[in-house]
Amino acid sequence: AVRSSATAEDLASASFAGQQDTYLNIIGYESVVRHVKLCWISLFTDRAITYRIQNNFYPTSGVYLCVVVQKMVHSVSAGIMFTADVMTGVRHVSVIEAGYGLGEALVPGLINADQYKYDCRSKCVVTSTIGDKHVEIIPTFEDDSCGEDGGVGGTKTVPVDSTHQKCQALSTERIMSLAQIGEDIQDHYGGVPQDIEWCIEKGTNELYIV
């Protein structure tokens, strides 16, 4: 996974999440190097520059970008977690959004993800809203999805079987354990609410914070 991370993401006054590029399931040294460069270039796309102008970050003042290369996790489900309810401002309620496959389907709004709210005081799930998860993004090893250099890898979007679309992507037990990890991460950072990406590996069922 070749992922961009900019200093101006997740600010109180602006959210740059998704403004810069990320590439998943990149295979081969040359392809990884090329996609690292593409991440850096994405800081200067029309969309990214326009957003910075609109939020008084022009041209790049105070905005820096690094590229993180991580081991790829082929996930059965993935999503995001907020250790506070950003809609209500309640800090003791964590909000978890989940879908099938890789988490990339959530950021651009390709799916209506599940949403679970967990009360960290009473230690229980207070609401579970099941979304229409009609597609998932999965790794592919079959075609030239990495681009013109002939590398094999990348991702593809596939439909989710209708019998699974309205099923919970996470069990109640997994919601509770994930919320506890979120609390631990928040405590590590001095009690400041966190925006956390997570995934569960296919086959091993192991949870990763990414």
C-alpha atoms as a PDB file:
ATOM      1  CA  ALA A   1       0.000   0.000   0.000  1.00  0.00           C
ATOM      2  CA  VAL A   2       1.463   3.354  -1.094  1.00  0.00           C
ATOM      3  CA  ARG A   3      -0.347   6.039   0.892  1.00  0.00           C
ATOM      4  CA  SER A   4      -0.099   9.816   1.056  1.00  0.00           C
ATOM      5  CA  SER A   5      -0.199  11.618   4.391  1.00  0.00           C
ATOM      6  CA  ALA A   6      -0.304  15.420   4.445  1.00  0.00           C
ATOM      7  CA  THR A   7       0.191  17.691   7.437  1.00  0.00           C
ATOM      8  CA  ALA A   8      -3.018  19.604   6.671  1.00  0.00           C
ATOM      9  CA  GLU A   9      -5.341  16.592   6.912  1.00  0.00           C
ATOM     10  CA  ASP A  10      -8.099  16.477   9.538  1.00  0.00           C
ATOM     11  CA  LEU A  11      -7.849  20.057  10.749  1.00  0.00           C
ATOM     12  CA  ALA A  12     -10.508  21.677  12.895  1.00  0.00           C
ATOM     13  CA  SER A  13     -11.336  24.146  10.106  1.00  0.00           C
ATOM     14  CA  ALA A  14     -10.769  21.985   7.017  1.00  0.00           C
ATOM     15  CA  SER A  15     -10.591  18.321   6.045  1.00  0.00           C
ATOM     16  CA  PHE A  16      -8.034  17.395   3.411  1.00  0.00           C
ATOM     17  CA  ALA A  17      -8.818  13.670   3.637  1.00  0.00           C
ATOM     18  CA  GLY A  18      -8.927  12.162   0.145  1.00  0.00           C
ATOM     19  CA  GLN A  19      -7.387  15.230  -1.493  1.00  0.00           C
ATOM     20  CA  GLN A  20      -4.104  13.410  -2.124  1.00  0.00           C
ATOM     21  CA  ASP A  21      -3.734  10.027  -3.800  1.00  0.00           C
ATOM     22  CA  THR A  22      -3.284   6.566  -2.305  1.00  0.00           C
ATOM     23  CA  TYR A  23      -2.577   3.366  -4.227  1.00  0.00           C
ATOM     24  CA  LEU A  24      -3.289  -0.146  -2.963  1.00  0.00           C
ATOM     25  CA  ASN A  25      -1.871  -3.571  -3.808  1.00  0.00           C
ATOM     26  CA  ILE A  26       1.138  -2.215  -5.684  1.00  0.00           C
ATOM     27  CA  ILE A  27       3.516  -5.026  -6.660  1.00  0.00           C
ATOM     28  CA  GLY A  28       7.170  -4.724  -7.663  1.00  0.00           C
ATOM     29  CA  TYR A  29       9.974  -2.299  -6.796  1.00  0.00           C
ATOM     30  CA  GLU A  30       9.685  -0.094  -9.895  1.00  0.00           C
ATOM     31  CA  SER A  31       5.924   0.150  -9.548  1.00  0.00           C
ATOM     32  CA  VAL A  32       6.198   1.128  -5.866  1.00  0.00           C
ATOM     33  CA  VAL A  33       8.717   3.877  -6.699  1.00  0.00           C
ATOM     34  CA  ARG A  34       6.489   5.188  -9.504  1.00  0.00           C
ATOM     35  CA  HIS A  35       3.441   5.316  -7.235  1.00  0.00           C
ATOM     36  CA  VAL A  36       5.405   7.104  -4.501  1.00  0.00           C
ATOM     37  CA  LYS A  37       6.095   9.829  -7.076  1.00  0.00           C
ATOM     38  CA  LEU A  38       2.423   9.890  -8.074  1.00  0.00           C
ATOM     39  CA  CYS A  39       1.482  10.484  -4.425  1.00  0.00           C
ATOM     40  CA  TRP A  40       3.834  13.472  -4.250  1.00  0.00           C
ATOM     41  CA  ILE A  41       2.463  14.797  -7.536  1.00  0.00           C
ATOM     42  CA  SER A  42      -1.090  14.590  -6.195  1.00  0.00           C
ATOM     43  CA  LEU A  43      -0.305  17.515  -3.866  1.00  0.00           C
ATOM     44  CA  PHE A  44      -0.390  19.685  -6.992  1.00  0.00           C
ATOM     45  CA  THR A  45      -3.526  18.520  -8.793  1.00  0.00           C
ATOM     46  CA  ASP A  46      -6.165  21.079  -9.774  1.00  0.00           C
ATOM     47  CA  ARG A  47      -8.493  19.727  -7.097  1.00  0.00           C
ATOM     48  CA  ALA A  48      -5.901  19.885  -4.311  1.00  0.00           C
ATOM     49  CA  ILE A  49      -4.690  23.377  -5.251  1.00  0.00           C
ATOM     50  CA  THR A  50      -8.265  24.703  -5.534  1.00  0.00           C
ATOM     51  CA  TYR A  51      -9.137  23.313  -2.105  1.00  0.00           C
ATOM     52  CA  ARG A  52      -6.069  24.942  -0.553  1.00  0.00           C
ATOM     53  CA  ILE A  53      -6.942  28.290  -2.140  1.00  0.00           C
ATOM     54  CA  GLN A  54     -10.491  28.069  -0.792  1.00  0.00           C
ATOM     55  CA  ASN A  55      -9.137  27.367   2.696  1.00  0.00           C
ATOM     56  CA  ASN A  56      -6.338  29.944   2.615  1.00  0.00           C
ATOM     57  CA  PHE A  57      -3.509  27.431   2.187  1.00  0.00           C
ATOM     58  CA  TYR A  58      -1.914  28.877  -0.938  1.00  0.00           C
ATOM     59  CA  PRO A  59       0.205  27.873  -2.682  1.00  0.00           C
ATOM     60  CA  THR A  60       1.548  25.254  -0.253  1.00  0.00           C
ATOM     61  CA  SER A  61       2.194  27.352   2.827  1.00  0.00           C
ATOM     62  CA  GLY A  62       2.325  25.083   5.865  1.00  0.00           C
ATOM     63  CA  VAL A  63       1.340  22.000   3.862  1.00  0.00           C
ATOM     64  CA  TYR A  64       3.777  19.117   3.595  1.00  0.00           C
ATOM     65  CA  LEU A  65       3.286  15.579   2.371  1.00  0.00           C
ATOM     66  CA  CYS A  66       4.995  12.279   3.085  1.00  0.00           C
ATOM     67  CA  VAL A  67       4.382   8.938   1.427  1.00  0.00           C
ATOM     68  CA  VAL A  68       4.024   5.843   3.597  1.00  0.00           C
ATOM     69  CA  VAL A  69       4.680   2.398   2.129  1.00  0.00           C
ATOM     70  CA  GLN A  70       2.934  -0.285   4.168  1.00  0.00           C
ATOM     71  CA  LYS A  71       2.470  -4.019   3.960  1.00  0.00           C
ATOM     72  CA  MET A  72      -0.768  -4.620   2.086  1.00  0.00           C
ATOM     73  CA  VAL A  73      -3.577  -6.154   4.149  1.00  0.00           C
ATOM     74  CA  HIS A  74      -6.106  -8.049   2.035  1.00  0.00           C
ATOM     75  CA  SER A  75      -9.099  -7.242   4.168  1.00  0.00           C
ATOM     76  CA  VAL A  76     -12.487  -8.910   4.456  1.00  0.00           C
ATOM     77  CA  SER A  77     -13.886  -5.728   6.009  1.00  0.00           C
ATOM     78  CA  ALA A  78     -12.530  -2.266   6.704  1.00  0.00           C
ATOM     79  CA  GLY A  79     -13.554   1.227   7.655  1.00  0.00           C
ATOM     80  CA  ILE A  80     -13.003   4.222   9.872  1.00  0.00           C
ATOM     81  CA  MET A  81     -13.573   4.987  13.529  1.00  0.00           C
ATOM     82  CA  PHE A  82     -14.049   8.316  15.280  1.00  0.00           C
ATOM     83  CA  THR A  83     -13.461   8.195  19.030  1.00  0.00           C
ATOM     84  CA  ALA A  84     -16.062  10.930  19.481  1.00  0.00           C
ATOM     85  CA  ASP A  85     -19.425  11.537  17.824  1.00  0.00           C
ATOM     86  CA  VAL A  86     -18.547  14.391  15.472  1.00  0.00           C
ATOM     87  CA  MET A  87     -22.207  15.048  14.628  1.00  0.00           C
ATOM     88  CA  THR A  88     -23.372  15.552  18.217  1.00  0.00           C
ATOM     89  CA  GLY A  89     -20.121  16.468  19.929  1.00  0.00           C
ATOM     90  CA  VAL A  90     -20.555  13.695  22.499  1.00  0.00           C
ATOM     91  CA  ARG A  91     -17.040  12.572  23.409  1.00  0.00           C
ATOM     92  CA  HIS A  92     -17.848   9.320  25.155  1.00  0.00           C
ATOM     93  CA  VAL A  93     -19.527   7.807  22.070  1.00  0.00           C
ATOM     94  CA  SER A  94     -17.324   6.246  19.370  1.00  0.00           C
ATOM     95  CA  VAL A  95     -18.629   6.025  15.812  1.00  0.00           C
ATOM     96  CA  ILE A  96     -17.493   3.135  13.587  1.00  0.00           C
ATOM     97  CA  GLU A  97     -18.232   2.890   9.865  1.00  0.00           C
ATOM     98  CA  ALA A  98     -17.663  -0.426   8.105  1.00  0.00           C
ATOM     99  CA  GLY A  99     -17.898  -2.039   4.696  1.00  0.00           C
ATOM    100  CA  TYR A 100     -16.700  -5.173   2.944  1.00  0.00           C
ATOM    101  CA  GLY A 101     -13.315  -5.499   1.278  1.00  0.00           C
ATOM    102  CA  LEU A 102     -10.833  -2.622   1.300  1.00  0.00           C
ATOM    103  CA  GLY A 103     -11.679   0.661   3.004  1.00  0.00           C
ATOM    104  CA  GLU A 104     -11.287   2.701  -0.183  1.00  0.00           C
ATOM    105  CA  ALA A 105     -14.999   2.312  -0.950  1.00  0.00           C
ATOM    106  CA  LEU A 106     -15.908   4.504   2.033  1.00  0.00           C
ATOM    107  CA  VAL A 107     -13.878   7.637   1.288  1.00  0.00           C
ATOM    108  CA  PRO A 108     -15.437   8.531  -2.104  1.00  0.00           C
ATOM    109  CA  GLY A 109     -18.896   7.413  -0.962  1.00  0.00           C
ATOM    110  CA  LEU A 110     -19.169   4.379  -3.251  1.00  0.00           C
ATOM    111  CA  ILE A 111     -21.249   2.611  -0.594  1.00  0.00           C
ATOM    112  CA  ASN A 112     -23.600   3.413   2.243  1.00  0.00           C
ATOM    113  CA  ALA A 113     -21.498   1.883   5.005  1.00  0.00           C
ATOM    114  CA  ASP A 114     -22.717   0.351   8.237  1.00  0.00           C
ATOM    115  CA  GLN A 115     -22.551   2.767  11.167  1.00  0.00           C
ATOM    116  CA  TYR A 116     -22.251   1.624  14.761  1.00  0.00           C
ATOM    117  CA  LYS A 117     -22.249   3.888  17.803  1.00  0.00           C
ATOM    118  CA  TYR A 118     -20.599   2.602  20.954  1.00  0.00           C
ATOM    119  CA  ASP A 119     -20.982   4.196  24.384  1.00  0.00           C
ATOM    120  CA  CYS A 120     -17.590   4.004  26.089  1.00  0.00           C
ATOM    121  CA  ARG A 121     -19.134   4.644  29.523  1.00  0.00           C
ATOM    122  CA  SER A 122     -21.820   1.974  29.493  1.00  0.00           C
ATOM    123  CA  LYS A 123     -19.673  -0.319  27.315  1.00  0.00           C
ATOM    124  CA  CYS A 124     -22.444  -1.159  24.869  1.00  0.00           C
ATOM    125  CA  VAL A 125     -23.462  -0.609  21.257  1.00  0.00           C
ATOM    126  CA  VAL A 126     -26.225   2.015  21.335  1.00  0.00           C
ATOM    127  CA  THR A 127     -27.158   2.072  17.639  1.00  0.00           C
ATOM    128  CA  SER A 128     -26.451  -0.101  14.589  1.00  0.00           C
ATOM    129  CA  THR A 129     -27.419   1.249  11.181  1.00  0.00           C
ATOM    130  CA  ILE A 130     -26.895  -1.288   8.384  1.00  0.00           C
ATOM    131  CA  GLY A 131     -25.982   0.297   5.062  1.00  0.00           C
ATOM    132  CA  ASP A 132     -26.579  -0.932   1.533  1.00  0.00           C
ATOM    133  CA  LYS A 133     -23.085  -2.281   0.849  1.00  0.00           C
ATOM    134  CA  HIS A 134     -23.709  -3.175  -2.780  1.00  0.00           C
ATOM    135  CA  VAL A 135     -20.060  -3.199  -3.904  1.00  0.00           C
ATOM    136  CA  GLU A 136     -16.632  -3.846  -2.439  1.00  0.00           C
ATOM    137  CA  ILE A 137     -13.112  -3.038  -3.579  1.00  0.00           C
ATOM    138  CA  ILE A 138     -10.735  -6.008  -3.567  1.00  0.00           C
ATOM    139  CA  PRO A 139      -7.099  -6.623  -4.611  1.00  0.00           C
ATOM    140  CA  THR A 140      -6.529  -8.050  -8.073  1.00  0.00           C
ATOM    141  CA  PHE A 141      -3.601 -10.027  -9.432  1.00  0.00           C
ATOM    142  CA  GLU A 142      -5.010 -10.717 -12.860  1.00  0.00           C
ATOM    143  CA  ASP A 143      -4.499  -7.628 -14.983  1.00  0.00           C
ATOM    144  CA  ASP A 144      -2.410  -4.517 -15.539  1.00  0.00           C
ATOM    145  CA  SER A 145      -4.268  -2.424 -12.973  1.00  0.00           C
ATOM    146  CA  CYS A 146      -1.093  -0.685 -11.771  1.00  0.00           C
ATOM    147  CA  GLY A 147      -0.700   1.257 -15.000  1.00  0.00           C
ATOM    148  CA  GLU A 148       1.290   1.417 -18.169  1.00  0.00           C
ATOM    149  CA  ASP A 149       4.476  -0.204 -16.820  1.00  0.00           C
ATOM    150  CA  GLY A 150       2.992  -3.680 -17.040  1.00  0.00           C
ATOM    151  CA  GLY A 151       2.913  -4.290 -13.285  1.00  0.00           C
ATOM    152  CA  VAL A 152       0.399  -6.771 -11.949  1.00  0.00           C
ATOM    153  CA  GLY A 153      -1.724  -5.703  -9.013  1.00  0.00           C
ATOM    154  CA  GLY A 154      -4.033  -2.865  -8.076  1.00  0.00           C
ATOM    155  CA  THR A 155      -7.690  -3.183  -7.143  1.00  0.00           C
ATOM    156  CA  LYS A 156     -11.080  -3.720  -8.702  1.00  0.00           C
ATOM    157  CA  THR A 157     -14.688  -3.039  -7.713  1.00  0.00           C
ATOM    158  CA  VAL A 158     -17.011  -6.036  -7.579  1.00  0.00           C
ATOM    159  CA  PRO A 159     -20.671  -6.450  -6.571  1.00  0.00           C
ATOM    160  CA  VAL A 160     -21.607  -7.832  -3.164  1.00  0.00           C
ATOM    161  CA  ASP A 161     -24.019 -10.744  -3.134  1.00  0.00           C
ATOM    162  CA  SER A 162     -27.520  -9.507  -2.320  1.00  0.00           C
ATOM    163  CA  THR A 163     -27.767 -11.855   0.669  1.00  0.00           C
ATOM    164  CA  HIS A 164     -24.807 -10.104   2.324  1.00  0.00           C
ATOM    165  CA  GLN A 165     -25.597  -6.487   1.521  1.00  0.00           C
ATOM    166  CA  LYS A 166     -27.837  -6.016   4.556  1.00  0.00           C
ATOM    167  CA  CYS A 167     -25.748  -8.111   6.941  1.00  0.00           C
ATOM    168  CA  GLN A 168     -23.521  -6.441   9.532  1.00  0.00           C
ATOM    169  CA  ALA A 169     -19.955  -6.094   8.307  1.00  0.00           C
ATOM    170  CA  LEU A 170     -18.803  -6.333  11.945  1.00  0.00           C
ATOM    171  CA  SER A 171     -20.038  -8.523  14.774  1.00  0.00           C
ATOM    172  CA  THR A 172     -21.043  -6.903  18.062  1.00  0.00           C
ATOM    173  CA  GLU A 173     -17.984  -8.437  19.736  1.00  0.00           C
ATOM    174  CA  ARG A 174     -15.690  -6.951  17.094  1.00  0.00           C
ATOM    175  CA  ILE A 175     -17.345  -3.533  17.434  1.00  0.00           C
ATOM    176  CA  MET A 176     -16.694  -3.588  21.168  1.00  0.00           C
ATOM    177  CA  SER A 177     -13.053  -4.668  20.839  1.00  0.00           C
ATOM    178  CA  LEU A 178     -12.398  -2.099  18.111  1.00  0.00           C
ATOM    179  CA  ALA A 179     -13.925   0.673  20.218  1.00  0.00           C
ATOM    180  CA  GLN A 180     -11.667  -0.321  23.126  1.00  0.00           C
ATOM    181  CA  ILE A 181      -8.618  -0.052  20.879  1.00  0.00           C
ATOM    182  CA  GLY A 182      -9.847   3.384  19.857  1.00  0.00           C
ATOM    183  CA  GLU A 183     -10.042   4.401  23.516  1.00  0.00           C
ATOM    184  CA  ASP A 184      -6.475   3.170  24.079  1.00  0.00           C
ATOM    185  CA  ILE A 185      -5.185   5.139  21.095  1.00  0.00           C
ATOM    186  CA  GLN A 186      -7.031   8.262  22.256  1.00  0.00           C
ATOM    187  CA  ASP A 187      -5.554   7.892  25.751  1.00  0.00           C
ATOM    188  CA  HIS A 188      -2.074   7.542  24.231  1.00  0.00           C
ATOM    189  CA  TYR A 189      -2.535  10.922  22.539  1.00  0.00           C
ATOM    190  CA  GLY A 190      -3.582  12.707  25.691  1.00  0.00           C
ATOM    191  CA  GLY A 191      -7.333  12.194  25.384  1.00  0.00           C
ATOM    192  CA  VAL A 192      -7.628  13.990  22.047  1.00  0.00           C
ATOM    193  CA  PRO A 193     -10.367  12.411  19.838  1.00  0.00           C
ATOM    194  CA  GLN A 194      -8.930  10.367  16.990  1.00  0.00           C
ATOM    195  CA  ASP A 195      -9.853   9.536  13.390  1.00  0.00           C
ATOM    196  CA  ILE A 196      -8.670   5.952  12.881  1.00  0.00           C
ATOM    197  CA  GLU A 197      -8.576   3.656   9.856  1.00  0.00           C
ATOM    198  CA  TRP A 198      -8.823  -0.088  10.475  1.00  0.00           C
ATOM    199  CA  CYS A 199      -9.167  -3.344   8.584  1.00  0.00           C
ATOM    200  CA  ILE A 200      -9.629  -7.057   9.282  1.00  0.00           C
ATOM    201  CA  GLU A 201      -7.422  -9.426   7.312  1.00  0.00           C
ATOM    202  CA  LYS A 202      -9.078 -12.069   5.197  1.00  0.00           C
ATOM    203  CA  GLY A 203      -8.252 -15.571   6.378  1.00  0.00           C
ATOM    204  CA  THR A 204      -6.561 -14.710   9.686  1.00  0.00           C
ATOM    205  CA  ASN A 205      -9.358 -12.404  10.921  1.00  0.00           C
ATOM    206  CA  GLU A 206      -6.626 -10.261  12.493  1.00  0.00           C
ATOM    207  CA  LEU A 207      -7.388  -6.592  13.168  1.00  0.00           C
ATOM    208  CA  TYR A 208      -4.989  -3.950  11.849  1.00  0.00           C
ATOM    209  CA  ILE A 209      -4.893  -0.215  12.555  1.00  0.00           C
ATOM    210  CA  VAL A 210      -3.690   1.402   9.335  1.00  0.00           C
END
